[in-house]
Amino acid sequence: MNKDIIIEVQELMVKFDDNIILQNINFQVFKGEILVILGGSGCGKTVLLKHLIGLLRPYSGTIMLGGTTLSDMQENLYRKFLSKIGVTFQGGALLGSMTLEENVSLPIIEYSGLPDISARIIARSKLHMVNLEGYENYYPSEVSGGMKKRASIARALALNPDILFLDEPSAGLDPVTSAEIDKLILNLNKSLGTTIVIVSHELASIFDIAKRVIFLDKHSKTITAEGDPHYLKDNCEDFRVRNFLNRKII
């Protein structure tokens, strides 16, 4: 794995009013890797992801991207940053009034300035990459949950991002469809070299795709383990992490 640091989080604290969500968060993301942020419900996984993409600002601490502090970016630099990342949210967040092709075209038109016809050609190629060729003119309501997930990944790939952020990409899917999404993620990482940061609590997916995970603990509100999930499953010193990875009641 290339050890170039693409994201570095230092002493991050997330706090809303008097409620501390996360504290003492320190970790790095390396270029070309798949990193999974895991933990039980309510531990702050999605909140952390929203901080990593700049939707939320830290109460304290820093998030560095290529040596630049995210919260210090001026609007023009932040817009440039957004053009280099792709994001999918848990529900897919596709616009129901637009076809799949139109959904994928939207960020291309917004950020590249290309004419609609060129954007649609690119959108079709992205849909082909996620095995949705032939479904360009379907609306989100006309396709399955797994296809919506694929379409949202295609939209996240629209601008050829350096980093993909995926929030629960296989949540709510049947085991076979979930495995197909996992295979797609691995193929994108291998073929494009894209750095991928995933929020997930789906153990089957975590063990299939992750070489490194960070575990958020909702009791201590911080990272209590980091490493290969296969190793942590049996060897982590924290019993909560072992119980989580072995599906044991704490």
Protein backbone atom coordinates (compact mmCIF):
# COMPACT_ATOMS: atom_id res chain seq x y z
CA MET A 1 0.00 0.00 0.00
CA ASN A 2 1.25 3.46 -0.90
CA LYS A 3 1.92 5.25 2.39
CA ASP A 4 1.28 8.78 1.09
CA ILE A 5 -1.08 10.46 3.56
CA ILE A 6 -4.16 11.85 1.83
CA ILE A 7 -6.18 12.74 4.96
CA GLU A 8 -4.94 13.38 8.47
CA VAL A 9 -7.21 13.96 11.48
CA GLN A 10 -5.65 15.42 14.62
CA GLU A 11 -7.28 15.79 18.04
CA LEU A 12 -10.76 16.13 16.54
CA MET A 13 -13.61 16.90 18.93
CA VAL A 14 -17.23 16.93 17.81
CA LYS A 15 -19.60 18.66 20.18
CA PHE A 16 -23.16 19.91 19.81
CA ASP A 17 -24.13 22.29 22.60
CA ASP A 18 -23.01 20.44 25.76
CA ASN A 19 -23.16 17.00 24.14
CA ILE A 20 -19.76 15.53 23.19
CA ILE A 21 -20.15 13.13 20.26
CA LEU A 22 -16.48 12.39 19.53
CA GLN A 23 -13.22 13.33 21.23
CA ASN A 24 -9.49 12.71 20.82
CA ILE A 25 -9.95 11.43 17.27
CA ASN A 26 -6.62 10.86 15.54
CA PHE A 27 -6.06 8.83 12.36
CA GLN A 28 -4.69 8.95 8.83
CA VAL A 29 -6.00 7.80 5.46
CA PHE A 30 -3.41 6.63 2.95
CA LYS A 31 -3.56 7.10 -0.79
CA GLY A 32 -5.09 4.13 -2.60
CA GLU A 33 -6.40 2.28 0.45
CA ILE A 34 -9.87 1.23 1.57
CA LEU A 35 -10.45 2.38 5.14
CA VAL A 36 -13.63 1.41 7.00
CA ILE A 37 -15.00 3.44 9.90
CA LEU A 38 -17.00 1.03 12.02
CA GLY A 39 -18.80 0.87 15.33
CA GLY A 40 -22.22 0.38 16.82
CA SER A 41 -25.28 2.54 16.19
CA GLY A 42 -24.98 6.02 17.64
CA CYS A 43 -21.18 6.03 17.87
CA GLY A 44 -20.75 8.95 15.46
CA LYS A 45 -19.67 7.24 12.22
CA THR A 46 -21.75 9.37 9.86
CA VAL A 47 -21.04 12.53 11.87
CA LEU A 48 -17.32 11.85 11.41
CA LEU A 49 -17.80 11.33 7.66
CA LYS A 50 -19.65 14.66 7.41
CA HIS A 51 -16.68 16.36 9.07
CA LEU A 52 -14.27 14.68 6.63
CA ILE A 53 -16.11 16.20 3.65
CA GLY A 54 -16.60 19.61 5.26
CA LEU A 55 -20.36 19.51 5.78
CA LEU A 56 -19.77 20.00 9.51
CA ARG A 57 -17.00 22.03 11.13
CA PRO A 58 -14.98 20.65 14.06
CA TYR A 59 -15.59 21.99 17.56
CA SER A 60 -11.82 21.65 17.92
CA GLY A 61 -8.96 19.82 16.24
CA THR A 62 -7.97 19.71 12.58
CA ILE A 63 -8.68 17.75 9.42
CA MET A 64 -5.85 18.04 6.91
CA LEU A 65 -6.26 17.30 3.19
CA GLY A 66 -3.05 17.40 1.22
CA GLY A 67 -1.49 19.62 3.84
CA THR A 68 -4.39 22.09 3.91
CA THR A 69 -6.74 22.40 6.87
CA LEU A 70 -10.26 21.76 5.63
CA SER A 71 -11.95 24.30 7.91
CA ASP A 72 -9.55 27.04 6.75
CA MET A 73 -10.30 26.61 3.05
CA GLN A 74 -11.74 29.61 1.28
CA GLU A 75 -14.88 29.03 -0.77
CA ASN A 76 -13.04 28.69 -4.09
CA LEU A 77 -10.61 26.12 -2.65
CA TYR A 78 -13.42 24.19 -0.97
CA ARG A 79 -15.30 24.05 -4.27
CA LYS A 80 -12.15 22.69 -5.91
CA PHE A 81 -11.88 20.14 -3.10
CA LEU A 82 -15.48 19.04 -3.69
CA SER A 83 -14.68 18.38 -7.34
CA LYS A 84 -12.00 15.89 -6.24
CA ILE A 85 -14.19 13.79 -3.96
CA GLY A 86 -17.26 11.65 -4.47
CA VAL A 87 -19.84 10.97 -1.77
CA THR A 88 -22.73 8.58 -1.37
CA PHE A 89 -25.12 8.85 1.54
CA GLN A 90 -26.94 5.97 3.18
CA GLY A 91 -30.23 6.40 1.32
CA GLY A 92 -28.53 7.12 -2.00
CA ALA A 93 -29.96 10.67 -2.10
CA LEU A 94 -30.88 10.37 -5.78
CA LEU A 95 -33.28 12.99 -7.08
CA GLY A 96 -36.56 11.22 -7.78
CA SER A 97 -37.63 13.62 -10.52
CA MET A 98 -34.52 12.83 -12.60
CA THR A 99 -33.49 9.71 -14.48
CA LEU A 100 -30.37 7.85 -13.42
CA GLU A 101 -28.48 9.43 -16.28
CA GLU A 102 -29.63 12.92 -15.26
CA ASN A 103 -28.65 12.26 -11.65
CA VAL A 104 -25.13 11.28 -12.66
CA SER A 105 -24.87 14.19 -15.14
CA LEU A 106 -25.73 16.77 -12.50
CA PRO A 107 -22.29 17.15 -10.82
CA ILE A 108 -20.57 17.04 -14.22
CA ILE A 109 -22.62 19.98 -15.46
CA GLU A 110 -22.23 21.83 -12.15
CA TYR A 111 -18.47 21.48 -11.74
CA SER A 112 -17.01 20.90 -15.20
CA GLY A 113 -18.92 23.39 -17.32
CA LEU A 114 -19.27 20.82 -20.09
CA PRO A 115 -22.36 21.00 -22.32
CA ASP A 116 -25.28 18.73 -21.44
CA ILE A 117 -24.60 16.30 -24.28
CA SER A 118 -21.00 15.73 -23.17
CA ALA A 119 -22.07 15.37 -19.55
CA ARG A 120 -24.61 12.73 -20.53
CA ILE A 121 -22.03 10.74 -22.50
CA ILE A 122 -19.78 10.71 -19.42
CA ALA A 123 -22.76 9.81 -17.21
CA ARG A 124 -23.55 6.81 -19.38
CA SER A 125 -19.94 5.61 -19.10
CA LYS A 126 -20.14 5.87 -15.29
CA LEU A 127 -23.39 3.91 -15.21
CA HIS A 128 -21.71 1.29 -17.39
CA MET A 129 -18.86 1.09 -14.84
CA VAL A 130 -21.34 0.09 -12.12
CA ASN A 131 -23.18 -2.39 -14.39
CA LEU A 132 -26.24 -0.20 -15.02
CA GLU A 133 -25.93 -0.01 -18.79
CA GLY A 134 -29.43 0.08 -20.26
CA TYR A 135 -31.00 1.75 -17.23
CA GLU A 136 -30.02 5.32 -18.08
CA ASN A 137 -33.62 6.48 -18.61
CA TYR A 138 -35.08 4.79 -15.54
CA TYR A 139 -36.14 6.84 -12.53
CA PRO A 140 -34.99 5.90 -9.01
CA SER A 141 -38.50 4.67 -8.15
CA GLU A 142 -38.30 2.20 -11.04
CA VAL A 143 -35.16 0.35 -9.93
CA SER A 144 -34.24 -1.89 -7.00
CA GLY A 145 -32.44 -0.85 -3.83
CA GLY A 146 -29.19 -2.35 -5.04
CA MET A 147 -29.45 -0.50 -8.35
CA LYS A 148 -30.05 2.77 -6.51
CA LYS A 149 -26.86 2.13 -4.54
CA ARG A 150 -24.97 1.50 -7.79
CA ALA A 151 -26.39 4.65 -9.35
CA SER A 152 -25.35 6.72 -6.35
CA ILE A 153 -21.82 5.31 -6.66
CA ALA A 154 -21.86 6.18 -10.39
CA ARG A 155 -22.81 9.75 -9.47
CA ALA A 156 -20.01 9.84 -6.89
CA LEU A 157 -17.60 8.76 -9.66
CA ALA A 158 -18.84 11.40 -12.08
CA LEU A 159 -15.85 13.75 -11.71
CA ASN A 160 -13.18 11.03 -11.44
CA PRO A 161 -12.57 11.74 -7.74
CA ASP A 162 -9.37 11.07 -5.85
CA ILE A 163 -11.38 9.97 -2.80
CA LEU A 164 -14.72 8.19 -2.48
CA PHE A 165 -16.70 8.51 0.76
CA LEU A 166 -19.39 5.82 1.04
CA ASP A 167 -21.93 5.87 3.87
CA GLU A 168 -23.33 2.37 4.49
CA PRO A 169 -23.10 1.29 0.82
CA SER A 170 -24.56 -2.19 1.45
CA ALA A 171 -27.02 -1.42 4.25
CA GLY A 172 -30.52 -2.81 3.76
CA LEU A 173 -29.57 -5.08 0.88
CA ASP A 174 -29.92 -8.84 0.61
CA PRO A 175 -26.69 -10.84 1.02
CA VAL A 176 -26.14 -11.47 -2.69
CA THR A 177 -26.72 -7.83 -3.70
CA SER A 178 -24.53 -6.71 -0.79
CA ALA A 179 -21.73 -8.99 -2.03
CA GLU A 180 -22.09 -7.49 -5.52
CA ILE A 181 -21.66 -3.98 -4.09
CA ASP A 182 -18.57 -5.16 -2.18
CA LYS A 183 -17.10 -6.60 -5.37
CA LEU A 184 -17.81 -3.34 -7.20
CA ILE A 185 -16.01 -1.34 -4.49
CA LEU A 186 -12.96 -3.62 -4.66
CA ASN A 187 -12.88 -3.42 -8.46
CA LEU A 188 -13.06 0.40 -8.41
CA ASN A 189 -10.24 0.57 -5.88
CA LYS A 190 -8.07 -1.82 -7.88
CA SER A 191 -8.78 -0.50 -11.38
CA LEU A 192 -8.84 3.23 -10.64
CA GLY A 193 -6.59 3.40 -7.58
CA THR A 194 -9.26 5.48 -5.85
CA THR A 195 -8.90 6.00 -2.11
CA ILE A 196 -12.14 4.84 -0.46
CA VAL A 197 -13.41 5.71 3.01
CA ILE A 198 -16.44 3.69 4.06
CA VAL A 199 -18.81 3.99 7.01
CA SER A 200 -20.29 0.59 7.80
CA HIS A 201 -21.47 -1.78 10.48
CA GLU A 202 -22.09 -4.68 8.05
CA LEU A 203 -19.63 -7.32 9.23
CA ALA A 204 -19.68 -9.47 6.09
CA SER A 205 -18.76 -6.45 3.97
CA ILE A 206 -16.13 -5.25 6.44
CA PHE A 207 -14.30 -8.58 6.38
CA ASP A 208 -14.55 -8.79 2.58
CA ILE A 209 -13.25 -5.36 1.64
CA ALA A 210 -11.27 -3.82 4.51
CA LYS A 211 -7.58 -4.22 5.17
CA ARG A 212 -7.73 -1.52 7.83
CA VAL A 213 -10.52 -0.26 10.06
CA ILE A 214 -10.94 2.25 12.85
CA PHE A 215 -13.43 1.40 15.57
CA LEU A 216 -15.49 4.18 17.17
CA ASP A 217 -16.73 3.40 20.67
CA LYS A 218 -19.89 5.22 21.77
CA HIS A 219 -19.01 4.87 25.46
CA SER A 220 -15.56 6.50 25.35
CA LYS A 221 -16.52 8.55 22.25
CA THR A 222 -13.18 7.90 20.60
CA ILE A 223 -11.21 5.40 18.51
CA THR A 224 -10.50 2.30 20.57
CA ALA A 225 -8.98 0.08 17.87
CA GLU A 226 -7.28 0.34 14.49
CA GLY A 227 -5.99 -2.37 12.17
CA ASP A 228 -6.90 -5.42 10.11
CA PRO A 229 -10.42 -6.54 11.13
CA HIS A 230 -9.43 -10.21 10.80
CA TYR A 231 -6.69 -9.67 13.39
CA LEU A 232 -8.78 -7.49 15.67
CA LYS A 233 -11.58 -10.05 15.69
CA ASP A 234 -9.57 -12.43 17.88
CA ASN A 235 -6.68 -10.35 19.20
CA CYS A 236 -7.90 -6.86 20.05
CA GLU A 237 -7.32 -5.97 23.70
CA ASP A 238 -10.67 -4.15 23.88
CA PHE A 239 -13.43 -6.67 24.56
CA ARG A 240 -16.06 -4.38 23.01
CA VAL A 241 -14.24 -4.52 19.68
CA ARG A 242 -13.91 -8.31 19.84
CA ASN A 243 -17.56 -8.69 20.76
CA PHE A 244 -18.65 -6.41 17.93
CA LEU A 245 -16.60 -8.24 15.32
CA ASN A 246 -17.78 -11.62 16.63
CA ARG A 247 -21.45 -10.55 16.93
CA LYS A 248 -21.51 -11.16 20.69
CA ILE A 249 -23.77 -9.30 23.07
CA ILE A 250 -21.83 -6.83 25.18
